[in-house]
Amino acid sequence: MSRDREVGFDMKSKQIRGGRRQRGFTLVELMVTIAVLAILAGIGYPLYAEQVQKARRTDARSSLRMIALAQERFYTVNGTYAPDLEADGNPLNLPDTLTDGDSADGHYTLGIVTDDDNLTYTITATAQGGQADDEDCEEFTLNQLGVKTATDGDGAKCW
């Protein structure tokens, strides 16, 4: 009598005597499954993180456009641009989320630079927090002429 028959296994059918089927996974099957999941996660997570960064760029673009529109309204009434976001109690009539120096969703720090006569401006959005890892589009700029630039140079990829 073979050793398999002594312990009650029939190796050909993977059944225990009495007709019950053996249940569960072998260690090899489990390790193969874990390896496949690890490979998928290793490929998927960086792609996911990149898409999140791209989506957050909208925060910078929309905040810059909102400030630029407010600057043009201010210029129409006053003949000059507002020197900063908080000048004399929010003359740009911006939402509170933008007057504190952060973009609407908080992924970028905002700033305005004007010339001495307040006749030109450049608005800058610089990535902060988790978005600071976005090396391709770390900084966005928009000026009074509507010229858009970004870290990538002409802004073609970022804008």
C-alpha atoms as a PDB file:
ATOM      1  CA  MET A   1       0.000   0.000   0.000  1.00  0.00           C
ATOM      2  CA  SER A   2       1.419   3.396  -0.927  1.00  0.00           C
ATOM      3  CA  ARG A   3       1.948   6.177   1.576  1.00  0.00           C
ATOM      4  CA  ASP A   4      -0.819   8.297  -0.042  1.00  0.00           C
ATOM      5  CA  ARG A   5      -3.366   5.557   0.551  1.00  0.00           C
ATOM      6  CA  GLU A   6      -2.253   5.295   4.188  1.00  0.00           C
ATOM      7  CA  VAL A   7      -3.102   8.938   4.973  1.00  0.00           C
ATOM      8  CA  GLY A   8      -6.364   8.829   3.041  1.00  0.00           C
ATOM      9  CA  PHE A   9      -5.561  10.826  -0.140  1.00  0.00           C
ATOM     10  CA  ASP A  10      -5.971   9.872  -3.740  1.00  0.00           C
ATOM     11  CA  MET A  11      -3.477  12.176  -5.516  1.00  0.00           C
ATOM     12  CA  LYS A  12      -4.997  11.721  -8.968  1.00  0.00           C
ATOM     13  CA  SER A  13      -8.421  13.115  -8.084  1.00  0.00           C
ATOM     14  CA  LYS A  14      -7.474  15.369  -5.144  1.00  0.00           C
ATOM     15  CA  GLN A  15     -10.210  13.796  -3.098  1.00  0.00           C
ATOM     16  CA  ILE A  16     -10.181  12.528   0.415  1.00  0.00           C
ATOM     17  CA  ARG A  17     -11.616   9.039   0.888  1.00  0.00           C
ATOM     18  CA  GLY A  18     -15.301   9.238   1.417  1.00  0.00           C
ATOM     19  CA  GLY A  19     -15.965  11.339  -1.714  1.00  0.00           C
ATOM     20  CA  ARG A  20     -15.371  14.831  -0.265  1.00  0.00           C
ATOM     21  CA  ARG A  21     -13.435  17.250  -2.482  1.00  0.00           C
ATOM     22  CA  GLN A  22     -10.404  19.024  -1.009  1.00  0.00           C
ATOM     23  CA  ARG A  23     -11.078  22.775  -0.507  1.00  0.00           C
ATOM     24  CA  GLY A  24      -8.815  25.840  -0.503  1.00  0.00           C
ATOM     25  CA  PHE A  25      -5.859  27.154  -2.433  1.00  0.00           C
ATOM     26  CA  THR A  26      -2.338  25.879  -2.513  1.00  0.00           C
ATOM     27  CA  LEU A  27       0.442  28.161  -1.380  1.00  0.00           C
ATOM     28  CA  VAL A  28       1.739  28.377  -4.964  1.00  0.00           C
ATOM     29  CA  GLU A  29      -1.661  29.514  -6.269  1.00  0.00           C
ATOM     30  CA  LEU A  30      -1.879  32.119  -3.557  1.00  0.00           C
ATOM     31  CA  MET A  31       1.653  33.428  -4.254  1.00  0.00           C
ATOM     32  CA  VAL A  32       0.972  33.659  -8.001  1.00  0.00           C
ATOM     33  CA  THR A  33      -2.199  35.671  -7.316  1.00  0.00           C
ATOM     34  CA  ILE A  34      -0.343  38.029  -4.987  1.00  0.00           C
ATOM     35  CA  ALA A  35       2.447  38.475  -7.550  1.00  0.00           C
ATOM     36  CA  VAL A  36      -0.061  39.346 -10.298  1.00  0.00           C
ATOM     37  CA  LEU A  37      -1.802  41.861  -8.010  1.00  0.00           C
ATOM     38  CA  ALA A  38       1.542  43.435  -7.082  1.00  0.00           C
ATOM     39  CA  ILE A  39       2.455  43.848 -10.750  1.00  0.00           C
ATOM     40  CA  LEU A  40      -0.920  45.415 -11.546  1.00  0.00           C
ATOM     41  CA  ALA A  41      -0.610  47.790  -8.578  1.00  0.00           C
ATOM     42  CA  GLY A  42       2.941  48.691  -9.588  1.00  0.00           C
ATOM     43  CA  ILE A  43       1.737  49.692 -13.034  1.00  0.00           C
ATOM     44  CA  GLY A  44      -1.628  51.145 -12.051  1.00  0.00           C
ATOM     45  CA  TYR A  45      -0.751  53.409  -9.132  1.00  0.00           C
ATOM     46  CA  PRO A  46       1.739  55.654 -10.973  1.00  0.00           C
ATOM     47  CA  LEU A  47      -0.766  56.073 -13.808  1.00  0.00           C
ATOM     48  CA  TYR A  48      -3.485  56.927 -11.304  1.00  0.00           C
ATOM     49  CA  ALA A  49      -1.244  59.467  -9.522  1.00  0.00           C
ATOM     50  CA  GLU A  50      -0.386  61.121 -12.846  1.00  0.00           C
ATOM     51  CA  GLN A  51      -4.068  61.475 -13.741  1.00  0.00           C
ATOM     52  CA  VAL A  52      -4.797  63.004 -10.321  1.00  0.00           C
ATOM     53  CA  GLN A  53      -2.052  65.586 -10.922  1.00  0.00           C
ATOM     54  CA  LYS A  54      -3.475  66.421 -14.347  1.00  0.00           C
ATOM     55  CA  ALA A  55      -6.932  66.852 -12.855  1.00  0.00           C
ATOM     56  CA  ARG A  56      -5.608  69.162 -10.140  1.00  0.00           C
ATOM     57  CA  ARG A  57      -4.038  71.440 -12.753  1.00  0.00           C
ATOM     58  CA  THR A  58      -7.573  72.616 -13.457  1.00  0.00           C
ATOM     59  CA  ASP A  59      -7.501  74.254 -10.027  1.00  0.00           C
ATOM     60  CA  ALA A  60      -4.611  76.508 -11.092  1.00  0.00           C
ATOM     61  CA  ARG A  61      -6.033  77.316 -14.517  1.00  0.00           C
ATOM     62  CA  SER A  62      -9.505  78.183 -13.262  1.00  0.00           C
ATOM     63  CA  SER A  63      -8.163  80.265 -10.356  1.00  0.00           C
ATOM     64  CA  LEU A  64      -5.860  82.243 -12.663  1.00  0.00           C
ATOM     65  CA  ARG A  65      -8.674  82.900 -15.141  1.00  0.00           C
ATOM     66  CA  MET A  66     -11.023  83.985 -12.360  1.00  0.00           C
ATOM     67  CA  ILE A  67      -8.460  86.466 -11.023  1.00  0.00           C
ATOM     68  CA  ALA A  68      -7.673  87.729 -14.538  1.00  0.00           C
ATOM     69  CA  LEU A  69     -11.366  88.418 -15.189  1.00  0.00           C
ATOM     70  CA  ALA A  70     -11.635  90.234 -11.855  1.00  0.00           C
ATOM     71  CA  GLN A  71      -8.539  92.280 -12.731  1.00  0.00           C
ATOM     72  CA  GLU A  72     -10.103  93.331 -16.042  1.00  0.00           C
ATOM     73  CA  ARG A  73     -13.314  94.381 -14.304  1.00  0.00           C
ATOM     74  CA  PHE A  74     -11.234  96.368 -11.798  1.00  0.00           C
ATOM     75  CA  TYR A  75      -9.268  97.986 -14.646  1.00  0.00           C
ATOM     76  CA  THR A  76     -12.475  99.000 -16.434  1.00  0.00           C
ATOM     77  CA  VAL A  77     -13.682 100.916 -13.369  1.00  0.00           C
ATOM     78  CA  ASN A  78     -10.365 102.278 -12.004  1.00  0.00           C
ATOM     79  CA  GLY A  79      -7.993 102.561 -14.963  1.00  0.00           C
ATOM     80  CA  THR A  80      -5.364 100.436 -13.185  1.00  0.00           C
ATOM     81  CA  TYR A  81      -5.047  96.856 -12.008  1.00  0.00           C
ATOM     82  CA  ALA A  82      -5.333  95.891  -8.335  1.00  0.00           C
ATOM     83  CA  PRO A  83      -1.844  95.498  -6.838  1.00  0.00           C
ATOM     84  CA  ASP A  84      -2.672  92.299  -4.937  1.00  0.00           C
ATOM     85  CA  LEU A  85      -5.457  89.925  -4.008  1.00  0.00           C
ATOM     86  CA  GLU A  86      -6.261  91.597  -0.700  1.00  0.00           C
ATOM     87  CA  ALA A  87      -5.772  95.271  -1.603  1.00  0.00           C
ATOM     88  CA  ASP A  88      -8.095  97.493   0.444  1.00  0.00           C
ATOM     89  CA  GLY A  89     -10.565  94.806   1.461  1.00  0.00           C
ATOM     90  CA  ASN A  90     -10.900  92.636  -1.638  1.00  0.00           C
ATOM     91  CA  PRO A  91     -11.579  95.188  -4.385  1.00  0.00           C
ATOM     92  CA  LEU A  92     -11.536  92.404  -6.957  1.00  0.00           C
ATOM     93  CA  ASN A  93     -14.643  90.886  -5.375  1.00  0.00           C
ATOM     94  CA  LEU A  94     -13.042  87.446  -5.342  1.00  0.00           C
ATOM     95  CA  PRO A  95     -14.372  84.503  -3.335  1.00  0.00           C
ATOM     96  CA  ASP A  96     -12.742  84.168   0.078  1.00  0.00           C
ATOM     97  CA  THR A  97     -11.040  80.974  -1.065  1.00  0.00           C
ATOM     98  CA  LEU A  98      -8.897  83.012  -3.487  1.00  0.00           C
ATOM     99  CA  THR A  99      -8.107  86.058  -1.323  1.00  0.00           C
ATOM    100  CA  ASP A 100      -6.135  84.005   1.202  1.00  0.00           C
ATOM    101  CA  GLY A 101      -3.421  83.328  -1.381  1.00  0.00           C
ATOM    102  CA  ASP A 102      -4.436  79.777  -2.218  1.00  0.00           C
ATOM    103  CA  SER A 103      -6.272  78.479  -5.259  1.00  0.00           C
ATOM    104  CA  ALA A 104      -9.924  77.455  -4.979  1.00  0.00           C
ATOM    105  CA  ASP A 105      -9.114  73.844  -4.026  1.00  0.00           C
ATOM    106  CA  GLY A 106      -5.884  74.712  -2.204  1.00  0.00           C
ATOM    107  CA  HIS A 107      -3.463  72.861  -4.494  1.00  0.00           C
ATOM    108  CA  TYR A 108      -1.642  76.054  -5.577  1.00  0.00           C
ATOM    109  CA  THR A 109      -0.354  79.248  -3.983  1.00  0.00           C
ATOM    110  CA  LEU A 110      -1.443  82.360  -5.869  1.00  0.00           C
ATOM    111  CA  GLY A 111       0.313  85.688  -6.290  1.00  0.00           C
ATOM    112  CA  ILE A 112       0.064  88.866  -8.347  1.00  0.00           C
ATOM    113  CA  VAL A 113       2.940  91.060  -9.446  1.00  0.00           C
ATOM    114  CA  THR A 114       2.153  94.475 -10.946  1.00  0.00           C
ATOM    115  CA  ASP A 115       4.402  97.192 -12.340  1.00  0.00           C
ATOM    116  CA  ASP A 116       4.875 100.485 -10.453  1.00  0.00           C
ATOM    117  CA  ASP A 117       1.886 102.137 -12.154  1.00  0.00           C
ATOM    118  CA  ASN A 118      -0.366  99.054 -11.844  1.00  0.00           C
ATOM    119  CA  LEU A 119      -0.837  98.986 -15.621  1.00  0.00           C
ATOM    120  CA  THR A 120       0.423  95.426 -16.122  1.00  0.00           C
ATOM    121  CA  TYR A 121       0.154  92.297 -14.025  1.00  0.00           C
ATOM    122  CA  THR A 122       1.323  88.719 -13.906  1.00  0.00           C
ATOM    123  CA  ILE A 123      -0.610  86.180 -11.864  1.00  0.00           C
ATOM    124  CA  THR A 124       1.287  83.109 -10.708  1.00  0.00           C
ATOM    125  CA  ALA A 125       0.033  79.786  -9.362  1.00  0.00           C
ATOM    126  CA  THR A 126       2.712  77.620  -7.735  1.00  0.00           C
ATOM    127  CA  ALA A 127       1.987  74.015  -6.770  1.00  0.00           C
ATOM    128  CA  GLN A 128       1.960  73.140  -3.086  1.00  0.00           C
ATOM    129  CA  GLY A 129       1.341  70.063  -0.983  1.00  0.00           C
ATOM    130  CA  GLY A 130       0.907  66.833  -2.934  1.00  0.00           C
ATOM    131  CA  GLN A 131       0.668  68.750  -6.200  1.00  0.00           C
ATOM    132  CA  ALA A 132       4.268  69.977  -5.765  1.00  0.00           C
ATOM    133  CA  ASP A 133       5.350  66.575  -7.121  1.00  0.00           C
ATOM    134  CA  ASP A 134       3.981  67.600 -10.531  1.00  0.00           C
ATOM    135  CA  GLU A 135       7.325  68.632 -12.025  1.00  0.00           C
ATOM    136  CA  ASP A 136       5.919  69.131 -15.523  1.00  0.00           C
ATOM    137  CA  CYS A 137       3.492  71.870 -14.502  1.00  0.00           C
ATOM    138  CA  GLU A 138       4.672  73.128 -11.139  1.00  0.00           C
ATOM    139  CA  GLU A 139       4.037  76.796 -11.930  1.00  0.00           C
ATOM    140  CA  PHE A 140       1.458  78.553 -14.112  1.00  0.00           C
ATOM    141  CA  THR A 141       1.466  82.230 -15.100  1.00  0.00           C
ATOM    142  CA  LEU A 142      -1.031  84.487 -16.853  1.00  0.00           C
ATOM    143  CA  ASN A 143      -0.540  88.179 -17.652  1.00  0.00           C
ATOM    144  CA  GLN A 144      -2.755  91.103 -18.692  1.00  0.00           C
ATOM    145  CA  LEU A 145      -2.256  90.273 -22.379  1.00  0.00           C
ATOM    146  CA  GLY A 146      -3.571  86.750 -21.841  1.00  0.00           C
ATOM    147  CA  VAL A 147      -0.148  85.161 -22.350  1.00  0.00           C
ATOM    148  CA  LYS A 148      -0.093  81.799 -20.585  1.00  0.00           C
ATOM    149  CA  THR A 149       3.105  80.072 -19.558  1.00  0.00           C
ATOM    150  CA  ALA A 150       3.967  77.153 -17.338  1.00  0.00           C
ATOM    151  CA  THR A 151       6.963  75.246 -16.038  1.00  0.00           C
ATOM    152  CA  ASP A 152       7.057  73.285 -19.308  1.00  0.00           C
ATOM    153  CA  GLY A 153       7.940  76.501 -21.198  1.00  0.00           C
ATOM    154  CA  ASP A 154       5.222  77.727 -23.517  1.00  0.00           C
ATOM    155  CA  GLY A 155       2.490  76.044 -21.481  1.00  0.00           C
ATOM    156  CA  ALA A 156       1.279  73.821 -24.320  1.00  0.00           C
ATOM    157  CA  LYS A 157       1.238  70.718 -22.135  1.00  0.00           C
ATOM    158  CA  CYS A 158      -0.117  72.383 -19.012  1.00  0.00           C
ATOM    159  CA  TRP A 159      -2.661  74.852 -20.322  1.00  0.00           C
END
